[in-house]
C-alpha atoms as a PDB file:
ATOM      1  CA  UNK A   1      97.165 104.819  87.549  1.00  0.00           C
ATOM      2  CA  UNK A   2      93.438 105.053  88.105  1.00  0.00           C
ATOM      3  CA  UNK A   3      93.649 107.028  91.576  1.00  0.00           C
ATOM      4  CA  UNK A   4      90.073 107.331  91.994  1.00  0.00           C
ATOM      5  CA  UNK A   5      89.519 103.556  91.544  1.00  0.00           C
ATOM      6  CA  UNK A   6      92.431 102.667  93.890  1.00  0.00           C
ATOM      7  CA  UNK A   7      91.315 104.737  96.337  1.00  0.00           C
ATOM      8  CA  UNK A   8      87.669 103.176  96.083  1.00  0.00           C
ATOM      9  CA  UNK A   9      89.137  99.742  96.403  1.00  0.00           C
ATOM     10  CA  UNK A  10      91.587 100.427  99.183  1.00  0.00           C
ATOM     11  CA  UNK A  11      88.702 102.075 101.251  1.00  0.00           C
ATOM     12  CA  UNK A  12      86.423  99.362 100.700  1.00  0.00           C
ATOM     13  CA  UNK A  13      88.949  96.637 101.894  1.00  0.00           C
ATOM     14  CA  UNK A  14      89.872  98.818 104.957  1.00  0.00           C
ATOM     15  CA  UNK A  15      85.549  98.909 105.673  1.00  0.00           C
ATOM     16  CA  UNK A  16      85.719  95.095 105.374  1.00  0.00           C
ATOM     17  CA  UNK A  17      89.205  94.905 107.628  1.00  0.00           C
ATOM     18  CA  UNK A  18      87.442  96.808 110.406  1.00  0.00           C
ATOM     19  CA  UNK A  19      84.426  94.362 110.165  1.00  0.00           C
ATOM     20  CA  UNK A  20      86.454  91.209 109.910  1.00  0.00           C
ATOM     21  CA  UNK A  21      88.684  92.561 112.970  1.00  0.00           C
ATOM     22  CA  UNK A  22      85.799  92.697 115.460  1.00  0.00           C
ATOM     23  CA  UNK A  23      86.026  88.852 115.626  1.00  0.00           C
ATOM     24  CA  UNK A  24      89.346  87.810 114.209  1.00  0.00           C
ATOM     25  CA  UNK A  25      92.717  89.298 115.372  1.00  0.00           C
ATOM     26  CA  UNK A  26      95.166  91.043 112.930  1.00  0.00           C
ATOM     27  CA  UNK A  27      98.895  89.971 112.846  1.00  0.00           C
ATOM     28  CA  UNK A  28     101.286  92.903 112.020  1.00  0.00           C
ATOM     29  CA  UNK A  29     105.222  93.095 112.044  1.00  0.00           C
ATOM     30  CA  UNK A  30     105.525  95.870 114.274  1.00  0.00           C
ATOM     31  CA  UNK A  31     104.384  98.879 116.466  1.00  0.00           C
ATOM     32  CA  UNK A  32     104.576 101.261 113.533  1.00  0.00           C
ATOM     33  CA  UNK A  33     102.133  98.831 111.706  1.00  0.00           C
ATOM     34  CA  UNK A  34      99.579  98.707 114.508  1.00  0.00           C
ATOM     35  CA  UNK A  35      99.650 102.465 114.734  1.00  0.00           C
ATOM     36  CA  UNK A  36      99.000 102.575 111.032  1.00  0.00           C
ATOM     37  CA  UNK A  37      96.020 100.468 111.417  1.00  0.00           C
ATOM     38  CA  UNK A  38      94.860 102.598 114.258  1.00  0.00           C
ATOM     39  CA  UNK A  39      94.878 105.562 112.397  1.00  0.00           C
ATOM     40  CA  UNK A  40      92.580 103.830 109.798  1.00  0.00           C
ATOM     41  CA  UNK A  41      89.718 103.258 112.650  1.00  0.00           C
ATOM     42  CA  UNK A  42      90.769  99.514 113.023  1.00  0.00           C
ATOM     43  CA  UNK A  43      90.007  99.124 116.338  1.00  0.00           C
ATOM     44  CA  UNK A  44      90.164  95.203 117.069  1.00  0.00           C
ATOM     45  CA  UNK A  45      92.704  92.950 118.456  1.00  0.00           C
ATOM     46  CA  UNK A  46      96.154  93.775 116.703  1.00  0.00           C
ATOM     47  CA  UNK A  47      99.007  91.534 117.339  1.00  0.00           C
ATOM     48  CA  UNK A  48     102.398  92.285 116.848  1.00  0.00           C
ATOM     49  CA  UNK A  49     105.121  89.603 115.629  1.00  0.00           C
ATOM     50  CA  UNK A  50     108.205  91.779 116.697  1.00  0.00           C
ATOM     51  CA  UNK A  51     108.061  90.470 120.236  1.00  0.00           C
ATOM     52  CA  UNK A  52     111.259  88.703 120.534  1.00  0.00           C
ATOM     53  CA  UNK A  53     110.037  85.244 120.060  1.00  0.00           C
ATOM     54  CA  UNK A  54     110.938  82.740 117.557  1.00  0.00           C
ATOM     55  CA  UNK A  55     108.381  82.154 114.525  1.00  0.00           C
ATOM     56  CA  UNK A  56     107.517  78.798 115.910  1.00  0.00           C
ATOM     57  CA  UNK A  57     107.086  79.947 119.443  1.00  0.00           C
ATOM     58  CA  UNK A  58     104.894  82.822 118.060  1.00  0.00           C
ATOM     59  CA  UNK A  59     102.953  80.374 116.107  1.00  0.00           C
ATOM     60  CA  UNK A  60     102.500  77.981 118.742  1.00  0.00           C
ATOM     61  CA  UNK A  61     101.341  80.676 121.067  1.00  0.00           C
ATOM     62  CA  UNK A  62      98.717  81.888 118.139  1.00  0.00           C
ATOM     63  CA  UNK A  63      97.538  78.415 117.639  1.00  0.00           C
ATOM     64  CA  UNK A  64      96.721  77.974 121.227  1.00  0.00           C
ATOM     65  CA  UNK A  65      94.669  81.141 121.267  1.00  0.00           C
ATOM     66  CA  UNK A  66      92.763  81.449 117.762  1.00  0.00           C
ATOM     67  CA  UNK A  67      91.212  79.660 115.211  1.00  0.00           C
ATOM     68  CA  UNK A  68      91.651  82.217 112.689  1.00  0.00           C
ATOM     69  CA  UNK A  69      93.968  85.303 112.204  1.00  0.00           C
ATOM     70  CA  UNK A  70      94.071  87.805 109.379  1.00  0.00           C
ATOM     71  CA  UNK A  71      97.993  88.167 108.448  1.00  0.00           C
ATOM     72  CA  UNK A  72      98.954  91.395 107.450  1.00  0.00           C
ATOM     73  CA  UNK A  73     102.787  91.667 107.000  1.00  0.00           C
ATOM     74  CA  UNK A  74     104.405  94.172 104.825  1.00  0.00           C
ATOM     75  CA  UNK A  75     104.570  93.240 100.956  1.00  0.00           C
ATOM     76  CA  UNK A  76     108.446  93.602 100.872  1.00  0.00           C
ATOM     77  CA  UNK A  77     110.918  90.792 100.891  1.00  0.00           C
ATOM     78  CA  UNK A  78     110.913  90.562 104.703  1.00  0.00           C
ATOM     79  CA  UNK A  79     107.065  90.715 104.987  1.00  0.00           C
ATOM     80  CA  UNK A  80     106.792  88.268 102.253  1.00  0.00           C
ATOM     81  CA  UNK A  81     109.230  85.759 103.982  1.00  0.00           C
ATOM     82  CA  UNK A  82     107.420  86.186 107.387  1.00  0.00           C
ATOM     83  CA  UNK A  83     103.864  85.711 105.943  1.00  0.00           C
ATOM     84  CA  UNK A  84     105.112  82.409 104.170  1.00  0.00           C
ATOM     85  CA  UNK A  85     106.858  81.134 107.353  1.00  0.00           C
ATOM     86  CA  UNK A  86     103.821  82.160 109.683  1.00  0.00           C
ATOM     87  CA  UNK A  87     101.314  80.421 107.260  1.00  0.00           C
ATOM     88  CA  UNK A  88     103.520  77.386 106.936  1.00  0.00           C
ATOM     89  CA  UNK A  89     103.809  77.056 110.992  1.00  0.00           C
ATOM     90  CA  UNK A  90     100.204  77.570 111.479  1.00  0.00           C
ATOM     91  CA  UNK A  91      99.257  75.129 108.513  1.00  0.00           C
ATOM     92  CA  UNK A  92      96.346  72.846 109.446  1.00  0.00           C
ATOM     93  CA  UNK A  93      95.938  74.750 112.996  1.00  0.00           C
ATOM     94  CA  UNK A  94      94.592  77.972 112.468  1.00  0.00           C
ATOM     95  CA  UNK A  95      93.334  79.778 109.290  1.00  0.00           C
ATOM     96  CA  UNK A  96      95.289  82.392 107.758  1.00  0.00           C
ATOM     97  CA  UNK A  97      93.391  85.382 105.689  1.00  0.00           C
ATOM     98  CA  UNK A  98      96.116  86.896 103.569  1.00  0.00           C
ATOM     99  CA  UNK A  99      93.239  88.674 101.330  1.00  0.00           C
ATOM    100  CA  UNK A 100      93.931  92.150 102.663  1.00  0.00           C
ATOM    101  CA  UNK A 101      97.704  91.745 102.296  1.00  0.00           C
ATOM    102  CA  UNK A 102      97.143  91.019  98.592  1.00  0.00           C
ATOM    103  CA  UNK A 103      94.581  93.819  97.955  1.00  0.00           C
ATOM    104  CA  UNK A 104      96.835  96.635  99.618  1.00  0.00           C
ATOM    105  CA  UNK A 105      99.748  95.377  97.905  1.00  0.00           C
ATOM    106  CA  UNK A 106      97.968  95.631  94.507  1.00  0.00           C
ATOM    107  CA  UNK A 107      96.235  98.827  95.029  1.00  0.00           C
ATOM    108  CA  UNK A 108      99.144 100.917  96.363  1.00  0.00           C
ATOM    109  CA  UNK A 109     102.581 102.412  95.484  1.00  0.00           C
ATOM    110  CA  UNK A 110     103.827 101.600  98.857  1.00  0.00           C
ATOM    111  CA  UNK A 111     105.534  98.335 100.222  1.00  0.00           C
ATOM    112  CA  UNK A 112     104.555  98.609 104.038  1.00  0.00           C
ATOM    113  CA  UNK A 113     101.231  98.889 106.305  1.00  0.00           C
ATOM    114  CA  UNK A 114     102.962 101.799 108.138  1.00  0.00           C
ATOM    115  CA  UNK A 115     102.664 103.775 104.814  1.00  0.00           C
ATOM    116  CA  UNK A 116      98.910 102.934 104.272  1.00  0.00           C
ATOM    117  CA  UNK A 117      97.327 106.199 105.873  1.00  0.00           C
ATOM    118  CA  UNK A 118      99.787 108.551 104.070  1.00  0.00           C
ATOM    119  CA  UNK A 119      98.947 106.717 100.857  1.00  0.00           C
ATOM    120  CA  UNK A 120      95.404 107.194 101.175  1.00  0.00           C
ATOM    121  CA  UNK A 121      95.690 110.859 101.961  1.00  0.00           C
ATOM    122  CA  UNK A 122      97.882 110.969  98.872  1.00  0.00           C
ATOM    123  CA  UNK A 123      95.141 109.475  96.788  1.00  0.00           C
ATOM    124  CA  UNK A 124      92.364 111.604  98.195  1.00  0.00           C
ATOM    125  CA  UNK A 125      94.377 114.643  97.306  1.00  0.00           C
ATOM    126  CA  UNK A 126      95.013 113.354  93.593  1.00  0.00           C
ATOM    127  CA  UNK A 127      91.186 112.519  93.323  1.00  0.00           C
ATOM    128  CA  UNK A 128      89.924 116.035  94.415  1.00  0.00           C
END
């Protein structure tokens, strides 16, 4: 693995995510995911899915409030399922951006959003 290239790609994606998040909310699975993004200085609106609603009720609420969202679920089996179900439920109502989820999944050895800050620190140490 080319640690320097991975670090560059992740940092570039995080910078773009910060910019996009100024106007578009991010949907994550839980509180730890939200905290991890905040550690990475992502300061816009971050919405947790895990608030006790069904997927369809959650998606109805999102569709009433937003025209587009950034969908950033984990890239494990549960996260993949949630991503697919949320996208399907929001189809033709809300634009779903999954670009960052794909970049983070490809550029890291971890499977969760909450692990991103530690993974970036690990990459920085390996590059030094």
